[in-house]
Amino acid sequence: MQFDIFGYSRDYYLKGKYIGNIILEDKDRETLGYLGQKTEILKTDLLLKKKLYKAGTEVTTELIMLCGRKKTI
């Protein structure tokens, strides 16, 4: 089955706890999901769920595909 792809969700984790996500138009890595996790250091301040995370904070990110309805052939 094929689905319309609406975009991608980059989920952020701090010390293993989910802190929020942002929506992307294009994927930023080839491997999606848990196996594609990356540990990054924030280069700029990031606002997630009304909380500000300062530049220099170490976070883990994971990319999830956002699928919509099934494509008709």
PDB file of N, CA and C in Angstrom:
ATOM      1  N   MET A   1       0.820  -1.180   0.000  1.00  0.00           N
ATOM      2  CA  MET A   1       0.000   0.000   0.000  1.00  0.00           C
ATOM      3  C   MET A   1       0.864   1.244   0.000  1.00  0.00           C
ATOM      4  N   GLN A   2       0.393   2.265  -0.666  1.00  0.00           N
ATOM      5  CA  GLN A   2       1.086   3.548  -0.672  1.00  0.00           C
ATOM      6  C   GLN A   2       0.170   4.606  -0.082  1.00  0.00           C
ATOM      7  N   PHE A   3       0.774   5.560   0.625  1.00  0.00           N
ATOM      8  CA  PHE A   3       0.024   6.614   1.280  1.00  0.00           C
ATOM      9  C   PHE A   3       0.568   7.971   0.860  1.00  0.00           C
ATOM     10  N   ASP A   4      -0.296   8.993   0.910  1.00  0.00           N
ATOM     11  CA  ASP A   4       0.160  10.364   0.719  1.00  0.00           C
ATOM     12  C   ASP A   4       0.995  10.738   1.931  1.00  0.00           C
ATOM     13  N   ILE A   5       2.153  11.325   1.696  1.00  0.00           N
ATOM     14  CA  ILE A   5       3.028  11.742   2.790  1.00  0.00           C
ATOM     15  C   ILE A   5       2.816  13.233   3.013  1.00  0.00           C
ATOM     16  N   PHE A   6       2.392  13.609   4.210  1.00  0.00           N
ATOM     17  CA  PHE A   6       2.121  15.004   4.543  1.00  0.00           C
ATOM     18  C   PHE A   6       3.353  15.735   5.040  1.00  0.00           C
ATOM     19  N   GLY A   7       4.372  15.022   5.434  1.00  0.00           N
ATOM     20  CA  GLY A   7       5.588  15.631   5.957  1.00  0.00           C
ATOM     21  C   GLY A   7       6.238  14.691   6.957  1.00  0.00           C
ATOM     22  N   TYR A   8       7.081  15.261   7.796  1.00  0.00           N
ATOM     23  CA  TYR A   8       7.820  14.477   8.772  1.00  0.00           C
ATOM     24  C   TYR A   8       7.799  15.201  10.112  1.00  0.00           C
ATOM     25  N   SER A   9       7.788  14.447  11.170  1.00  0.00           N
ATOM     26  CA  SER A   9       7.805  14.990  12.522  1.00  0.00           C
ATOM     27  C   SER A   9       9.157  14.676  13.143  1.00  0.00           C
ATOM     28  N   ARG A  10       9.883  15.735  13.551  1.00  0.00           N
ATOM     29  CA  ARG A  10      11.150  15.526  14.260  1.00  0.00           C
ATOM     30  C   ARG A  10      10.842  15.619  15.750  1.00  0.00           C
ATOM     31  N   ASP A  11      10.906  14.474  16.433  1.00  0.00           N
ATOM     32  CA  ASP A  11      10.620  14.404  17.860  1.00  0.00           C
ATOM     33  C   ASP A  11      11.889  14.660  18.649  1.00  0.00           C
ATOM     34  N   TYR A  12      11.757  15.430  19.733  1.00  0.00           N
ATOM     35  CA  TYR A  12      12.904  15.778  20.579  1.00  0.00           C
ATOM     36  C   TYR A  12      12.765  15.106  21.940  1.00  0.00           C
ATOM     37  N   TYR A  13      13.870  14.559  22.428  1.00  0.00           N
ATOM     38  CA  TYR A  13      13.937  13.909  23.736  1.00  0.00           C
ATOM     39  C   TYR A  13      15.092  14.515  24.524  1.00  0.00           C
ATOM     40  N   LEU A  14      14.853  14.778  25.806  1.00  0.00           N
ATOM     41  CA  LEU A  14      15.882  15.288  26.701  1.00  0.00           C
ATOM     42  C   LEU A  14      16.030  14.298  27.840  1.00  0.00           C
ATOM     43  N   LYS A  15      17.199  13.685  27.941  1.00  0.00           N
ATOM     44  CA  LYS A  15      17.467  12.651  28.952  1.00  0.00           C
ATOM     45  C   LYS A  15      16.431  11.530  28.885  1.00  0.00           C
ATOM     46  N   GLY A  16      16.049  11.142  27.676  1.00  0.00           N
ATOM     47  CA  GLY A  16      15.115  10.043  27.470  1.00  0.00           C
ATOM     48  C   GLY A  16      13.655  10.413  27.581  1.00  0.00           C
ATOM     49  N   LYS A  17      13.333  11.666  27.916  1.00  0.00           N
ATOM     50  CA  LYS A  17      11.945  12.101  28.074  1.00  0.00           C
ATOM     51  C   LYS A  17      11.534  12.958  26.881  1.00  0.00           C
ATOM     52  N   TYR A  18      10.349  12.664  26.323  1.00  0.00           N
ATOM     53  CA  TYR A  18       9.827  13.405  25.179  1.00  0.00           C
ATOM     54  C   TYR A  18       9.530  14.842  25.588  1.00  0.00           C
ATOM     55  N   ILE A  19      10.050  15.805  24.815  1.00  0.00           N
ATOM     56  CA  ILE A  19       9.816  17.213  25.147  1.00  0.00           C
ATOM     57  C   ILE A  19       9.041  17.961  24.068  1.00  0.00           C
ATOM     58  N   GLY A  20       8.851  17.372  22.886  1.00  0.00           N
ATOM     59  CA  GLY A  20       8.075  18.027  21.846  1.00  0.00           C
ATOM     60  C   GLY A  20       8.532  17.627  20.459  1.00  0.00           C
ATOM     61  N   ASN A  21       7.923  18.285  19.461  1.00  0.00           N
ATOM     62  CA  ASN A  21       8.268  17.969  18.081  1.00  0.00           C
ATOM     63  C   ASN A  21       8.088  19.202  17.195  1.00  0.00           C
ATOM     64  N   ILE A  22       8.697  19.150  16.017  1.00  0.00           N
ATOM     65  CA  ILE A  22       8.457  20.147  14.980  1.00  0.00           C
ATOM     66  C   ILE A  22       8.142  19.394  13.691  1.00  0.00           C
ATOM     67  N   ILE A  23       7.387  20.042  12.809  1.00  0.00           N
ATOM     68  CA  ILE A  23       6.983  19.421  11.547  1.00  0.00           C
ATOM     69  C   ILE A  23       7.912  19.917  10.440  1.00  0.00           C
ATOM     70  N   LEU A  24       8.395  18.990   9.613  1.00  0.00           N
ATOM     71  CA  LEU A  24       9.285  19.298   8.502  1.00  0.00           C
ATOM     72  C   LEU A  24       8.612  18.903   7.185  1.00  0.00           C
ATOM     73  N   GLU A  25       8.944  19.615   6.118  1.00  0.00           N
ATOM     74  CA  GLU A  25       8.435  19.278   4.787  1.00  0.00           C
ATOM     75  C   GLU A  25       9.188  18.078   4.200  1.00  0.00           C
ATOM     76  N   ASP A  26      10.506  18.074   4.362  1.00  0.00           N
ATOM     77  CA  ASP A  26      11.360  17.023   3.793  1.00  0.00           C
ATOM     78  C   ASP A  26      12.115  16.319   4.907  1.00  0.00           C
ATOM     79  N   LYS A  27      12.499  15.076   4.644  1.00  0.00           N
ATOM     80  CA  LYS A  27      13.241  14.337   5.668  1.00  0.00           C
ATOM     81  C   LYS A  27      14.678  14.829   5.729  1.00  0.00           C
ATOM     82  N   ASP A  28      15.252  14.776   6.930  1.00  0.00           N
ATOM     83  CA  ASP A  28      16.617  15.242   7.138  1.00  0.00           C
ATOM     84  C   ASP A  28      17.599  14.093   7.338  1.00  0.00           C
ATOM     85  N   ARG A  29      17.107  12.859   7.229  1.00  0.00           N
ATOM     86  CA  ARG A  29      17.965  11.663   7.357  1.00  0.00           C
ATOM     87  C   ARG A  29      17.299  10.514   6.609  1.00  0.00           C
ATOM     88  N   GLU A  30      18.067   9.519   6.294  1.00  0.00           N
ATOM     89  CA  GLU A  30      17.550   8.380   5.533  1.00  0.00           C
ATOM     90  C   GLU A  30      16.819   7.371   6.410  1.00  0.00           C
ATOM     91  N   THR A  31      17.336   7.101   7.607  1.00  0.00           N
ATOM     92  CA  THR A  31      16.744   6.103   8.487  1.00  0.00           C
ATOM     93  C   THR A  31      15.723   6.769   9.399  1.00  0.00           C
ATOM     94  N   LEU A  32      14.492   6.282   9.351  1.00  0.00           N
ATOM     95  CA  LEU A  32      13.416   6.854  10.158  1.00  0.00           C
ATOM     96  C   LEU A  32      13.207   6.035  11.423  1.00  0.00           C
ATOM     97  N   GLY A  33      12.503   6.612  12.376  1.00  0.00           N
ATOM     98  CA  GLY A  33      12.112   5.905  13.585  1.00  0.00           C
ATOM     99  C   GLY A  33      13.235   5.755  14.595  1.00  0.00           C
ATOM    100  N   TYR A  34      13.063   4.769  15.470  1.00  0.00           N
ATOM    101  CA  TYR A  34      13.993   4.549  16.576  1.00  0.00           C
ATOM    102  C   TYR A  34      15.419   4.300  16.097  1.00  0.00           C
ATOM    103  N   LEU A  35      15.571   3.552  15.018  1.00  0.00           N
ATOM    104  CA  LEU A  35      16.909   3.225  14.515  1.00  0.00           C
ATOM    105  C   LEU A  35      17.628   4.434  13.937  1.00  0.00           C
ATOM    106  N   GLY A  36      16.887   5.489  13.611  1.00  0.00           N
ATOM    107  CA  GLY A  36      17.479   6.695  13.048  1.00  0.00           C
ATOM    108  C   GLY A  36      17.728   7.786  14.075  1.00  0.00           C
ATOM    109  N   GLN A  37      17.696   7.444  15.354  1.00  0.00           N
ATOM    110  CA  GLN A  37      17.911   8.455  16.390  1.00  0.00           C
ATOM    111  C   GLN A  37      19.302   9.066  16.281  1.00  0.00           C
ATOM    112  N   LYS A  38      19.371  10.383  16.562  1.00  0.00           N
ATOM    113  CA  LYS A  38      20.645  11.096  16.563  1.00  0.00           C
ATOM    114  C   LYS A  38      20.742  11.908  17.841  1.00  0.00           C
ATOM    115  N   THR A  39      21.923  11.964  18.402  1.00  0.00           N
ATOM    116  CA  THR A  39      22.179  12.846  19.534  1.00  0.00           C
ATOM    117  C   THR A  39      22.789  14.118  18.969  1.00  0.00           C
ATOM    118  N   GLU A  40      22.172  15.261  19.291  1.00  0.00           N
ATOM    119  CA  GLU A  40      22.600  16.543  18.750  1.00  0.00           C
ATOM    120  C   GLU A  40      22.732  17.559  19.874  1.00  0.00           C
ATOM    121  N   ILE A  41      23.493  18.593  19.613  1.00  0.00           N
ATOM    122  CA  ILE A  41      23.579  19.737  20.517  1.00  0.00           C
ATOM    123  C   ILE A  41      22.891  20.894  19.808  1.00  0.00           C
ATOM    124  N   LEU A  42      21.912  21.519  20.470  1.00  0.00           N
ATOM    125  CA  LEU A  42      21.150  22.602  19.856  1.00  0.00           C
ATOM    126  C   LEU A  42      22.073  23.762  19.505  1.00  0.00           C
ATOM    127  N   LYS A  43      21.982  24.236  18.264  1.00  0.00           N
ATOM    128  CA  LYS A  43      22.804  25.355  17.815  1.00  0.00           C
ATOM    129  C   LYS A  43      22.136  26.693  18.121  1.00  0.00           C
ATOM    130  N   THR A  44      20.804  26.688  18.199  1.00  0.00           N
ATOM    131  CA  THR A  44      20.042  27.891  18.528  1.00  0.00           C
ATOM    132  C   THR A  44      19.025  27.541  19.604  1.00  0.00           C
ATOM    133  N   ASP A  45      18.455  28.550  20.232  1.00  0.00           N
ATOM    134  CA  ASP A  45      17.400  28.315  21.213  1.00  0.00           C
ATOM    135  C   ASP A  45      16.201  27.681  20.512  1.00  0.00           C
ATOM    136  N   LEU A  46      15.491  26.803  21.208  1.00  0.00           N
ATOM    137  CA  LEU A  46      14.374  26.068  20.630  1.00  0.00           C
ATOM    138  C   LEU A  46      13.174  26.158  21.570  1.00  0.00           C
ATOM    139  N   LEU A  47      12.021  26.563  21.040  1.00  0.00           N
ATOM    140  CA  LEU A  47      10.800  26.675  21.825  1.00  0.00           C
ATOM    141  C   LEU A  47       9.894  25.499  21.490  1.00  0.00           C
ATOM    142  N   LEU A  48       9.629  24.643  22.480  1.00  0.00           N
ATOM    143  CA  LEU A  48       8.749  23.490  22.321  1.00  0.00           C
ATOM    144  C   LEU A  48       7.753  23.480  23.471  1.00  0.00           C
ATOM    145  N   LYS A  49       6.472  23.415  23.158  1.00  0.00           N
ATOM    146  CA  LYS A  49       5.415  23.350  24.170  1.00  0.00           C
ATOM    147  C   LYS A  49       5.556  24.465  25.211  1.00  0.00           C
ATOM    148  N   LYS A  50       5.784  25.691  24.734  1.00  0.00           N
ATOM    149  CA  LYS A  50       5.886  26.883  25.584  1.00  0.00           C
ATOM    150  C   LYS A  50       7.075  26.860  26.538  1.00  0.00           C
ATOM    151  N   LYS A  51       8.062  26.007  26.280  1.00  0.00           N
ATOM    152  CA  LYS A  51       9.265  25.957  27.098  1.00  0.00           C
ATOM    153  C   LYS A  51      10.473  26.199  26.199  1.00  0.00           C
ATOM    154  N   LEU A  52      11.401  27.032  26.670  1.00  0.00           N
ATOM    155  CA  LEU A  52      12.574  27.390  25.892  1.00  0.00           C
ATOM    156  C   LEU A  52      13.757  26.517  26.299  1.00  0.00           C
ATOM    157  N   TYR A  53      14.388  25.909  25.297  1.00  0.00           N
ATOM    158  CA  TYR A  53      15.586  25.110  25.513  1.00  0.00           C
ATOM    159  C   TYR A  53      16.746  25.884  24.915  1.00  0.00           C
ATOM    160  N   LYS A  54      17.763  26.136  25.707  1.00  0.00           N
ATOM    161  CA  LYS A  54      18.882  26.982  25.318  1.00  0.00           C
ATOM    162  C   LYS A  54      19.828  26.276  24.344  1.00  0.00           C
ATOM    163  N   ALA A  55      20.496  27.085  23.536  1.00  0.00           N
ATOM    164  CA  ALA A  55      21.529  26.569  22.639  1.00  0.00           C
ATOM    165  C   ALA A  55      22.603  25.895  23.493  1.00  0.00           C
ATOM    166  N   GLY A  56      23.121  24.773  23.014  1.00  0.00           N
ATOM    167  CA  GLY A  56      24.128  24.026  23.757  1.00  0.00           C
ATOM    168  C   GLY A  56      23.552  22.847  24.525  1.00  0.00           C
ATOM    169  N   THR A  57      22.217  22.739  24.579  1.00  0.00           N
ATOM    170  CA  THR A  57      21.570  21.614  25.256  1.00  0.00           C
ATOM    171  C   THR A  57      21.684  20.365  24.391  1.00  0.00           C
ATOM    172  N   GLU A  58      22.037  19.242  24.994  1.00  0.00           N
ATOM    173  CA  GLU A  58      22.157  17.978  24.257  1.00  0.00           C
ATOM    174  C   GLU A  58      20.799  17.286  24.241  1.00  0.00           C
ATOM    175  N   VAL A  59      20.300  16.997  23.045  1.00  0.00           N
ATOM    176  CA  VAL A  59      19.003  16.337  22.867  1.00  0.00           C
ATOM    177  C   VAL A  59      19.169  15.162  21.917  1.00  0.00           C
ATOM    178  N   THR A  60      18.200  14.267  21.957  1.00  0.00           N
ATOM    179  CA  THR A  60      18.129  13.163  21.002  1.00  0.00           C
ATOM    180  C   THR A  60      16.944  13.436  20.090  1.00  0.00           C
ATOM    181  N   THR A  61      17.127  13.243  18.784  1.00  0.00           N
ATOM    182  CA  THR A  61      16.039  13.469  17.835  1.00  0.00           C
ATOM    183  C   THR A  61      15.714  12.169  17.099  1.00  0.00           C
ATOM    184  N   GLU A  62      14.465  12.092  16.665  1.00  0.00           N
ATOM    185  CA  GLU A  62      13.962  10.925  15.936  1.00  0.00           C
ATOM    186  C   GLU A  62      13.007  11.449  14.870  1.00  0.00           C
ATOM    187  N   LEU A  63      13.059  10.933  13.670  1.00  0.00           N
ATOM    188  CA  LEU A  63      12.224  11.398  12.570  1.00  0.00           C
ATOM    189  C   LEU A  63      11.122  10.381  12.273  1.00  0.00           C
ATOM    190  N   ILE A  64       9.879  10.866  12.241  1.00  0.00           N
ATOM    191  CA  ILE A  64       8.708  10.013  11.995  1.00  0.00           C
ATOM    192  C   ILE A  64       7.969  10.540  10.758  1.00  0.00           C
ATOM    193  N   MET A  65       7.557   9.646   9.873  1.00  0.00           N
ATOM    194  CA  MET A  65       6.815  10.032   8.682  1.00  0.00           C
ATOM    195  C   MET A  65       5.338  10.241   9.029  1.00  0.00           C
ATOM    196  N   LEU A  66       4.753  11.325   8.505  1.00  0.00           N
ATOM    197  CA  LEU A  66       3.331  11.605   8.712  1.00  0.00           C
ATOM    198  C   LEU A  66       2.574  11.188   7.457  1.00  0.00           C
ATOM    199  N   CYS A  67       1.790  10.119   7.548  1.00  0.00           N
ATOM    200  CA  CYS A  67       1.063   9.588   6.398  1.00  0.00           C
ATOM    201  C   CYS A  67      -0.393   9.997   6.479  1.00  0.00           C
ATOM    202  N   GLY A  68      -0.996  10.131   5.310  1.00  0.00           N
ATOM    203  CA  GLY A  68      -2.394  10.486   5.223  1.00  0.00           C
ATOM    204  C   GLY A  68      -3.220   9.352   4.671  1.00  0.00           C
ATOM    205  N   ARG A  69      -4.103   9.683   3.763  1.00  0.00           N
ATOM    206  CA  ARG A  69      -4.980   8.649   3.207  1.00  0.00           C
ATOM    207  C   ARG A  69      -4.272   7.784   2.176  1.00  0.00           C
ATOM    208  N   LYS A  70      -4.842   6.646   1.928  1.00  0.00           N
ATOM    209  CA  LYS A  70      -4.287   5.684   0.983  1.00  0.00           C
ATOM    210  C   LYS A  70      -4.412   6.229  -0.435  1.00  0.00           C
ATOM    211  N   LYS A  71      -3.355   6.085  -1.233  1.00  0.00           N
ATOM    212  CA  LYS A  71      -3.374   6.520  -2.629  1.00  0.00           C
ATOM    213  C   LYS A  71      -4.221   5.563  -3.444  1.00  0.00           C
ATOM    214  N   THR A  72      -4.990   6.108  -4.364  1.00  0.00           N
ATOM    215  CA  THR A  72      -5.755   5.268  -5.274  1.00  0.00           C
ATOM    216  C   THR A  72      -4.959   5.115  -6.566  1.00  0.00           C
ATOM    217  N   ILE A  73      -5.004   3.933  -7.105  1.00  0.00           N
ATOM    218  CA  ILE A  73      -4.214   3.654  -8.310  1.00  0.00           C
ATOM    219  C   ILE A  73      -5.062   3.823  -9.538  1.00  0.00           C
TER     220      ILE A  73
END
